Protein backbone atom coordinates (compact mmCIF):
# COMPACT_ATOMS: atom_id res chain seq x y z
CA MET A 1 -6.57 -12.58 -14.82
CA ALA A 2 -7.05 -15.50 -12.27
CA ALA A 3 -8.84 -14.40 -9.12
CA ASP A 4 -5.91 -16.21 -7.55
CA GLU A 5 -3.64 -13.41 -7.91
CA ILE A 6 -5.85 -11.59 -5.93
CA ARG A 7 -7.48 -14.02 -3.11
CA GLY A 8 -4.37 -15.13 -0.84
CA PRO A 9 -4.65 -18.16 1.82
CA ALA A 10 -4.97 -17.28 5.64
CA ARG A 11 -2.00 -19.18 6.80
CA GLY A 12 -1.53 -20.59 10.71
CA THR A 13 -4.11 -19.71 12.85
CA ALA A 14 -4.88 -15.77 11.01
CA PRO A 15 -8.47 -15.53 10.24
CA VAL A 16 -7.56 -13.75 6.71
CA PRO A 17 -4.16 -13.37 4.95
CA LEU A 18 -1.92 -11.16 6.38
CA SER A 19 0.31 -8.48 4.22
CA VAL A 20 2.85 -5.53 4.94
CA LEU A 21 2.70 -1.66 3.69
CA ASP A 22 5.99 -0.46 4.12
CA LEU A 23 7.17 3.53 3.47
CA ALA A 24 10.67 3.24 3.74
CA THR A 25 10.61 4.95 7.32
CA VAL A 26 13.54 7.41 7.75
CA GLY A 27 14.27 7.73 11.17
CA SER A 28 16.13 10.28 13.19
CA GLY A 29 19.94 9.87 12.54
CA ARG A 30 19.15 7.50 9.20
CA THR A 31 19.75 7.59 5.83
CA ALA A 32 17.08 7.01 3.01
CA THR A 33 20.10 4.09 2.28
CA GLU A 34 19.47 2.03 5.67
CA ALA A 35 15.73 2.74 5.00
CA LEU A 36 15.97 1.26 2.00
CA ARG A 37 18.02 -1.58 3.15
CA THR A 38 15.59 -2.03 6.09
CA SER A 39 12.52 -2.64 3.08
CA ALA A 40 14.87 -5.18 1.54
CA GLU A 41 15.17 -6.65 5.07
CA LEU A 42 11.50 -7.02 6.17
CA ALA A 43 10.13 -8.08 2.20
CA ARG A 44 12.79 -11.11 2.82
CA ARG A 45 10.95 -11.64 6.36
CA ALA A 46 7.99 -11.05 5.47
CA GLU A 47 8.26 -13.66 2.22
CA ALA A 48 10.13 -16.55 4.90
CA ARG A 49 7.08 -16.21 7.20
CA GLY A 50 4.07 -16.16 4.78
CA PHE A 51 3.06 -12.94 4.76
CA HIS A 52 0.87 -12.39 1.52
CA ARG A 53 1.97 -9.45 -0.34
CA PHE A 54 4.32 -6.52 0.39
CA TRP A 55 3.34 -2.92 -0.64
CA VAL A 56 5.03 0.37 -1.15
CA ALA A 57 3.63 3.27 -0.87
CA GLU A 58 3.82 6.67 -2.97
CA HIS A 59 4.52 10.11 -1.01
CA HIS A 60 6.47 13.23 -1.74
CA SER A 61 8.19 16.06 -0.11
CA MET A 62 8.37 14.22 3.47
CA PRO A 63 11.74 13.37 4.62
CA GLY A 64 10.65 10.75 7.07
CA VAL A 65 9.55 8.60 3.83
CA ALA A 66 11.73 7.24 1.31
CA SER A 67 9.21 5.81 -0.80
CA SER A 68 8.82 8.43 -3.55
CA SER A 69 9.77 6.33 -6.34
CA PRO A 70 7.49 2.53 -6.11
CA ALA A 71 8.36 1.10 -8.99
CA VAL A 72 12.25 1.57 -8.30
CA ILE A 73 11.79 -0.27 -4.94
CA LEU A 74 9.73 -2.69 -6.31
CA ALA A 75 11.96 -3.41 -9.07
CA HIS A 76 14.67 -3.74 -5.87
CA LEU A 77 12.49 -6.20 -3.99
CA ALA A 78 11.78 -8.00 -6.97
CA ALA A 79 15.26 -9.15 -6.78
CA HIS A 80 15.60 -9.99 -3.41
CA THR A 81 12.36 -12.34 -3.34
CA GLY A 82 10.73 -15.02 -4.98
CA THR A 83 7.28 -15.78 -4.14
CA ILE A 84 5.59 -12.84 -2.16
CA ARG A 85 3.53 -10.94 -4.14
CA LEU A 86 5.05 -7.02 -4.76
CA GLY A 87 3.13 -4.04 -5.31
CA SER A 88 1.78 -0.01 -4.98
CA GLY A 89 -0.32 1.23 -2.50
CA GLY A 90 -0.43 2.82 -4.11
CA VAL A 91 0.98 4.86 -7.25
CA MET A 92 -1.13 8.05 -7.28
CA LEU A 93 -2.86 7.99 -10.82
CA PRO A 94 -2.85 11.66 -10.93
CA ASN A 95 1.09 12.21 -10.62
CA HIS A 96 1.43 10.34 -13.80
CA ALA A 97 0.64 9.72 -17.16
CA PRO A 98 -1.28 6.55 -17.48
CA LEU A 99 1.41 5.18 -20.46
CA VAL A 100 3.96 5.36 -18.50
CA ILE A 101 2.56 3.46 -15.24
CA ALA A 102 1.53 0.85 -17.90
CA GLU A 103 5.08 0.45 -19.13
CA GLN A 104 6.42 0.71 -15.48
CA PHE A 105 4.66 -2.13 -14.00
CA GLY A 106 4.36 -4.09 -17.23
CA THR A 107 8.44 -4.19 -16.83
CA LEU A 108 8.05 -5.29 -13.02
CA GLU A 109 5.78 -8.18 -14.39
CA ALA A 110 8.07 -9.35 -16.50
CA LEU A 111 10.79 -8.93 -14.24
CA ALA A 112 8.62 -10.97 -11.62
CA PRO A 113 5.76 -12.92 -13.80
CA GLY A 114 2.64 -13.01 -11.62
CA ARG A 115 3.91 -11.56 -8.54
CA VAL A 116 2.83 -7.66 -9.30
CA ASP A 117 -0.41 -5.74 -8.03
CA LEU A 118 -0.91 -2.11 -9.10
CA GLY A 119 -2.99 -0.50 -6.48
CA LEU A 120 -4.02 2.65 -7.60
CA GLY A 121 -5.01 6.11 -5.48
CA ARG A 122 -6.66 9.59 -6.84
CA ALA A 123 -4.81 11.55 -4.31
CA PRO A 124 -1.26 13.20 -4.75
CA GLY A 125 0.22 11.55 -1.82
CA THR A 126 1.21 15.29 -0.56
CA ASP A 127 0.56 18.97 -0.28
CA GLY A 128 -1.05 20.62 -3.61
CA ALA A 129 2.16 22.55 -3.90
CA THR A 130 4.38 19.61 -4.73
CA ALA A 131 1.48 17.82 -6.54
CA ALA A 132 1.78 20.94 -8.93
CA ALA A 133 5.63 20.32 -9.15
CA LEU A 134 5.12 16.83 -10.13
CA ARG A 135 2.81 17.45 -12.85
CA ARG A 136 3.55 19.63 -16.33
CA GLY A 137 1.26 21.38 -19.06
CA ASP A 138 -2.58 20.35 -19.35
CA GLN A 139 -2.01 17.45 -16.56
CA ALA A 140 -0.90 19.84 -13.93
CA HIS A 141 -4.75 21.57 -13.69
CA GLU A 142 -6.45 17.47 -13.21
CA GLY A 143 -8.25 17.44 -10.52
CA ALA A 144 -9.33 13.98 -8.49
CA ASP A 145 -12.46 14.01 -10.43
CA GLU A 146 -10.26 13.03 -13.72
CA PHE A 147 -9.20 9.68 -12.08
CA PRO A 148 -11.79 7.33 -13.79
CA ARG A 149 -10.95 8.56 -17.02
CA GLN A 150 -7.06 7.96 -16.14
CA LEU A 151 -7.81 4.54 -15.08
CA ALA A 152 -9.81 3.59 -17.96
CA GLU A 153 -7.10 5.19 -20.24
CA LEU A 154 -4.68 3.35 -18.16
CA ILE A 155 -6.39 -0.12 -18.30
CA ARG A 156 -6.80 -0.05 -21.97
CA PHE A 157 -2.57 0.45 -22.02
CA LEU A 158 -2.38 -2.68 -20.11
CA ASP A 159 -4.50 -4.37 -21.97
CA ASP A 160 -3.79 -3.02 -25.05
CA ASP A 161 -6.92 -2.72 -26.54
CA PHE A 162 -7.78 1.04 -28.04
CA PRO A 163 -10.51 0.69 -29.98
CA GLN A 164 -9.90 1.19 -33.94
CA GLY A 165 -9.51 4.52 -35.07
CA HIS A 166 -8.77 6.27 -31.35
CA PRO A 167 -6.10 8.26 -31.14
CA TYR A 168 -4.03 5.95 -28.91
CA ALA A 169 -4.65 2.68 -30.87
CA ARG A 170 -1.39 2.50 -32.40
CA ILE A 171 0.36 3.13 -29.13
CA HIS A 172 1.23 -0.23 -27.17
CA ALA A 173 2.83 -0.44 -23.48
CA VAL A 174 5.84 -2.45 -23.32
CA PRO A 175 6.47 -5.10 -22.28
CA GLY A 176 3.08 -5.63 -22.96
CA PRO A 177 0.20 -8.09 -24.68
CA VAL A 178 1.61 -6.29 -28.36
CA GLN A 179 4.78 -8.59 -27.94
CA SER A 180 2.84 -12.10 -28.27
CA SER A 181 1.46 -10.51 -31.80
CA VAL A 182 4.18 -9.94 -33.64
CA PRO A 183 5.99 -12.33 -35.86
CA GLY A 184 8.03 -14.40 -33.59
CA GLY A 185 6.44 -13.36 -30.25
CA VAL A 186 5.43 -15.41 -27.56
CA GLN A 187 2.58 -15.32 -24.70
CA SER A 188 2.60 -12.74 -22.95
CA PRO A 189 3.54 -13.29 -18.88
CA GLY A 190 0.06 -11.44 -18.25
CA ARG A 191 -0.48 -8.06 -16.69
CA PRO A 192 -0.92 -7.12 -12.93
CA PRO A 193 -3.93 -7.30 -11.51
CA VAL A 194 -5.58 -3.55 -10.79
CA TRP A 195 -6.36 -2.43 -7.22
CA LEU A 196 -8.08 0.52 -6.44
CA LEU A 197 -7.13 2.57 -2.93
CA GLY A 198 -8.99 4.76 -1.25
CA SER A 199 -10.01 6.44 2.33
CA SER A 200 -13.23 7.58 1.48
CA GLY A 201 -16.31 6.27 -0.36
CA PHE A 202 -15.51 7.76 -4.53
CA SER A 203 -12.58 5.21 -4.71
CA ALA A 204 -14.74 2.10 -3.07
CA ARG A 205 -17.82 2.94 -4.75
CA LEU A 206 -15.92 2.98 -8.33
CA ALA A 207 -13.81 -0.22 -7.34
CA GLY A 208 -17.05 -1.94 -6.79
CA GLU A 209 -18.94 -0.70 -10.05
CA LEU A 210 -15.54 -1.87 -11.76
CA GLY A 211 -15.31 -5.29 -10.34
CA LEU A 212 -11.69 -4.74 -8.94
CA PRO A 213 -10.69 -4.94 -5.52
CA PHE A 214 -10.66 -2.54 -2.92
CA ALA A 215 -7.86 -1.69 -0.47
CA PHE A 216 -8.90 0.86 2.18
CA ALA A 217 -6.85 3.13 3.93
CA HIS A 218 -7.84 2.14 7.75
CA HIS A 219 -4.78 3.15 9.48
CA PHE A 220 -5.25 6.91 8.67
CA SER A 221 -8.93 7.30 7.95
CA ALA A 222 -10.17 4.47 10.52
CA HIS A 223 -14.02 6.42 11.03
CA ASN A 224 -14.34 5.87 7.15
CA THR A 225 -13.51 2.33 7.23
CA VAL A 226 -17.04 0.63 7.91
CA PRO A 227 -19.04 3.12 5.65
CA ALA A 228 -16.66 2.64 2.60
CA LEU A 229 -16.40 -1.22 2.55
CA GLU A 230 -20.35 -1.35 3.39
CA LEU A 231 -20.43 1.34 -0.17
CA TYR A 232 -17.97 -0.93 -2.11
CA ARG A 233 -19.72 -4.51 -1.77
CA GLU A 234 -23.29 -2.36 -2.09
CA ALA A 235 -21.17 -1.22 -5.39
CA PHE A 236 -19.96 -4.50 -6.55
CA ARG A 237 -20.86 -5.55 -10.20
CA PRO A 238 -18.96 -9.02 -10.83
CA SER A 239 -16.46 -8.54 -13.13
CA ALA A 240 -13.80 -11.14 -15.56
CA VAL A 241 -11.65 -10.22 -12.21
CA LEU A 242 -13.61 -10.94 -9.73
CA ASP A 243 -16.83 -12.64 -8.79
CA ARG A 244 -17.81 -11.51 -5.49
CA PRO A 245 -16.15 -8.12 -3.36
CA TYR A 246 -12.33 -8.65 -2.18
CA ALA A 247 -11.45 -5.76 0.60
CA LEU A 248 -7.98 -5.57 1.62
CA ILE A 249 -7.38 -2.94 4.87
CA GLY A 250 -4.46 -1.55 5.76
CA VAL A 251 -3.75 -1.05 9.97
CA GLN A 252 -1.52 0.24 12.18
CA ALA A 253 -0.03 -2.19 14.21
CA PHE A 254 3.45 -2.88 16.29
CA ALA A 255 4.32 -5.67 18.47
CA ALA A 256 6.89 -5.94 21.49
CA ASP A 257 7.73 -7.75 24.75
CA ASP A 258 5.22 -5.61 26.40
CA ASP A 259 2.78 -2.26 26.47
CA ARG A 260 5.76 -0.01 27.37
CA ALA A 261 8.09 -0.91 24.45
CA ALA A 262 5.31 -1.02 22.13
CA ARG A 263 3.78 2.71 23.14
CA ARG A 264 7.61 4.10 22.85
CA GLN A 265 7.53 2.93 19.03
CA VAL A 266 4.22 3.75 18.17
CA LEU A 267 4.72 7.45 19.88
CA THR A 268 7.47 8.12 17.61
CA GLY A 269 5.17 7.87 14.49
CA ALA A 270 2.13 9.41 16.20
CA LEU A 271 4.47 12.33 16.80
CA ALA A 272 5.69 12.39 12.70
CA MET A 273 2.27 12.50 12.00
CA LEU A 274 1.39 15.40 14.27
CA ARG A 275 4.36 17.11 12.86
CA LEU A 276 3.07 16.32 8.78
CA ARG A 277 -0.70 17.31 9.75
CA THR A 278 0.71 20.32 11.07
CA GLY A 279 2.81 21.05 8.17
CA ARG A 280 5.90 20.42 9.44
CA PRO A 281 7.27 17.21 8.35
CA GLY A 282 10.48 15.44 8.88
CA LEU A 283 12.68 12.36 9.81
CA VAL A 284 10.60 10.04 12.19
CA PRO A 285 11.97 11.27 16.14
CA THR A 286 13.35 8.62 18.57
CA PRO A 287 11.82 7.61 21.28
CA GLU A 288 13.68 9.57 23.54
CA GLU A 289 12.10 12.81 21.49
CA ALA A 290 8.69 12.00 21.65
CA GLU A 291 8.64 10.98 24.89
CA ALA A 292 10.01 14.26 26.08
CA HIS A 293 8.18 16.36 23.41
CA PRO A 294 6.04 18.77 25.16
CA PHE A 295 2.71 18.06 23.56
CA GLY A 296 -0.18 20.50 24.04
CA GLU A 297 -3.45 19.97 24.86
CA ILE A 298 -4.49 19.70 21.43
CA GLU A 299 -1.63 18.35 20.55
CA ARG A 300 -2.14 15.35 23.14
CA ASP A 301 -5.54 15.11 22.00
CA PHE A 302 -4.81 14.24 18.53
CA VAL A 303 -1.95 11.74 19.37
CA ASP A 304 -4.63 9.86 21.60
CA SER A 305 -7.30 9.48 18.73
CA TRP A 306 -4.14 8.60 16.39
CA LEU A 307 -2.90 5.56 18.81
CA ALA A 308 -6.47 5.03 19.51
CA ASN A 309 -6.35 3.37 15.81
CA VAL A 310 -3.04 1.43 16.46
CA GLU A 311 -2.70 -2.14 17.71
CA TYR A 312 -0.09 -1.98 19.65
CA GLY A 313 1.31 -4.26 22.76
CA THR A 314 2.45 -7.57 23.53
CA PRO A 315 1.93 -10.31 20.57
CA ASP A 316 -1.26 -11.58 22.15
CA ALA A 317 -2.81 -7.91 22.52
CA VAL A 318 -2.03 -7.16 18.58
CA ARG A 319 -3.29 -10.51 17.40
CA GLU A 320 -6.56 -10.14 19.40
CA GLY A 321 -6.80 -6.66 17.89
CA LEU A 322 -6.45 -7.13 14.67
CA ASN A 323 -8.88 -10.26 15.02
CA ALA A 324 -10.97 -8.18 16.43
CA LEU A 325 -10.65 -5.56 13.61
CA ALA A 326 -11.33 -8.13 11.03
CA LYS A 327 -14.29 -9.24 12.53
CA ARG A 328 -15.50 -5.99 13.07
CA THR A 329 -15.54 -5.02 9.33
CA GLY A 330 -15.68 -8.25 7.38
CA ALA A 331 -12.36 -7.44 5.73
CA ASP A 332 -10.56 -10.30 3.57
CA GLU A 333 -7.14 -9.13 3.81
CA LEU A 334 -5.32 -7.18 6.61
CA MET A 335 -2.23 -5.19 5.66
CA ILE A 336 -0.21 -4.34 8.09
CA THR A 337 2.18 -1.07 8.51
CA SER A 338 4.43 0.25 11.28
CA ASN A 339 5.55 3.59 10.88
CA ALA A 340 8.15 4.00 13.86
CA HIS A 341 11.57 4.95 14.21
CA GLY A 342 13.28 1.80 15.32
CA THR A 343 15.00 -0.60 12.37
CA GLU A 344 15.38 -3.26 14.57
CA GLU A 345 12.35 -3.00 16.59
CA ARG A 346 10.12 -2.89 13.53
CA LEU A 347 11.17 -5.79 12.10
CA ARG A 348 10.99 -8.14 15.32
CA SER A 349 7.35 -6.42 15.51
CA TYR A 350 6.27 -8.72 12.29
CA GLU A 351 8.30 -11.55 13.54
CA LEU A 352 6.67 -11.30 16.62
CA ILE A 353 3.08 -10.83 14.83
CA ALA A 354 3.69 -13.98 12.77
CA ASP A 355 5.03 -15.82 15.74
CA ALA A 356 1.72 -15.33 17.22
CA TYR A 357 -0.46 -16.18 14.68
CA GLU A 358 1.74 -19.36 14.33
CA LEU A 359 3.03 -18.43 10.46
CA PRO A 360 5.45 -20.98 9.35
CA LYS A 361 9.13 -20.49 10.36
CA GLY A 362 11.48 -20.27 6.63
């Protein structure tokens, strides 16, 4: 696996490569069909403007998020793009049999050779009851502490290298490397780079020890960002994948013509998160609904705390905020997400950020 599949170029005046994390957000009055069409359009625009990669996240039982099936969405995006890297940010491995993920992402690699990333998380991406409904048999009782074993099994399926005598030695993830070793076979296109995702120190340390690239969820765990990245770098051991650490952080950012317009949009995402955290998940509210919401004192404190870690405002202000974040954390890449109601406003926000960094116009 070549390191250039992981490290991307910084374009325009950006200090590090810029990428996109999409949740296929479903706003009030909108449908999942519209949300997924927007995802495809955003991927096309991100590719045209020189963003490095486009990831989608796995979430379940959340009405305001239509990205419950990353592999399905990524196959659709692969058909609508030609050069941008596509990946999962991430697949929640405890929800799935490792062989199934190896098959799904082997298929994606065959559909879009050299463009697929496999980002893995150890959380369920939902509440406990939904997590139990996602799993069956023995798997239903497996916790996050089983993640290292599941990860090792997945990587062996991806590489097709279970040792002789192992119960799975005669099982092959297809599409995959086995096809190049059978009569008439040709060289496999390779396999997707594996990333570890996290919002605390567990995956940071594991990614470092395995020499894998690491993606940290700064957008919802900002207080842990610097400690987790330091832990990742301290634990890092060179591998066949990377000779030095590579850390990406997800960050919420929203650009508009003025501060008020930007705040109206990010407030919709903050209210949606407030409802999710208090057990009332729903569609992302409209700006009018968010502004009219009668926030209590505790709710207001949550929203203020949430928005303190969102870079929003004019394009210049967002650029300055992102630059400061990259410098403060030493991140090798910034992955921008925008959980807001407005479809056209979200698309335009990415265009404004691209303009602020003088990214190429496709």
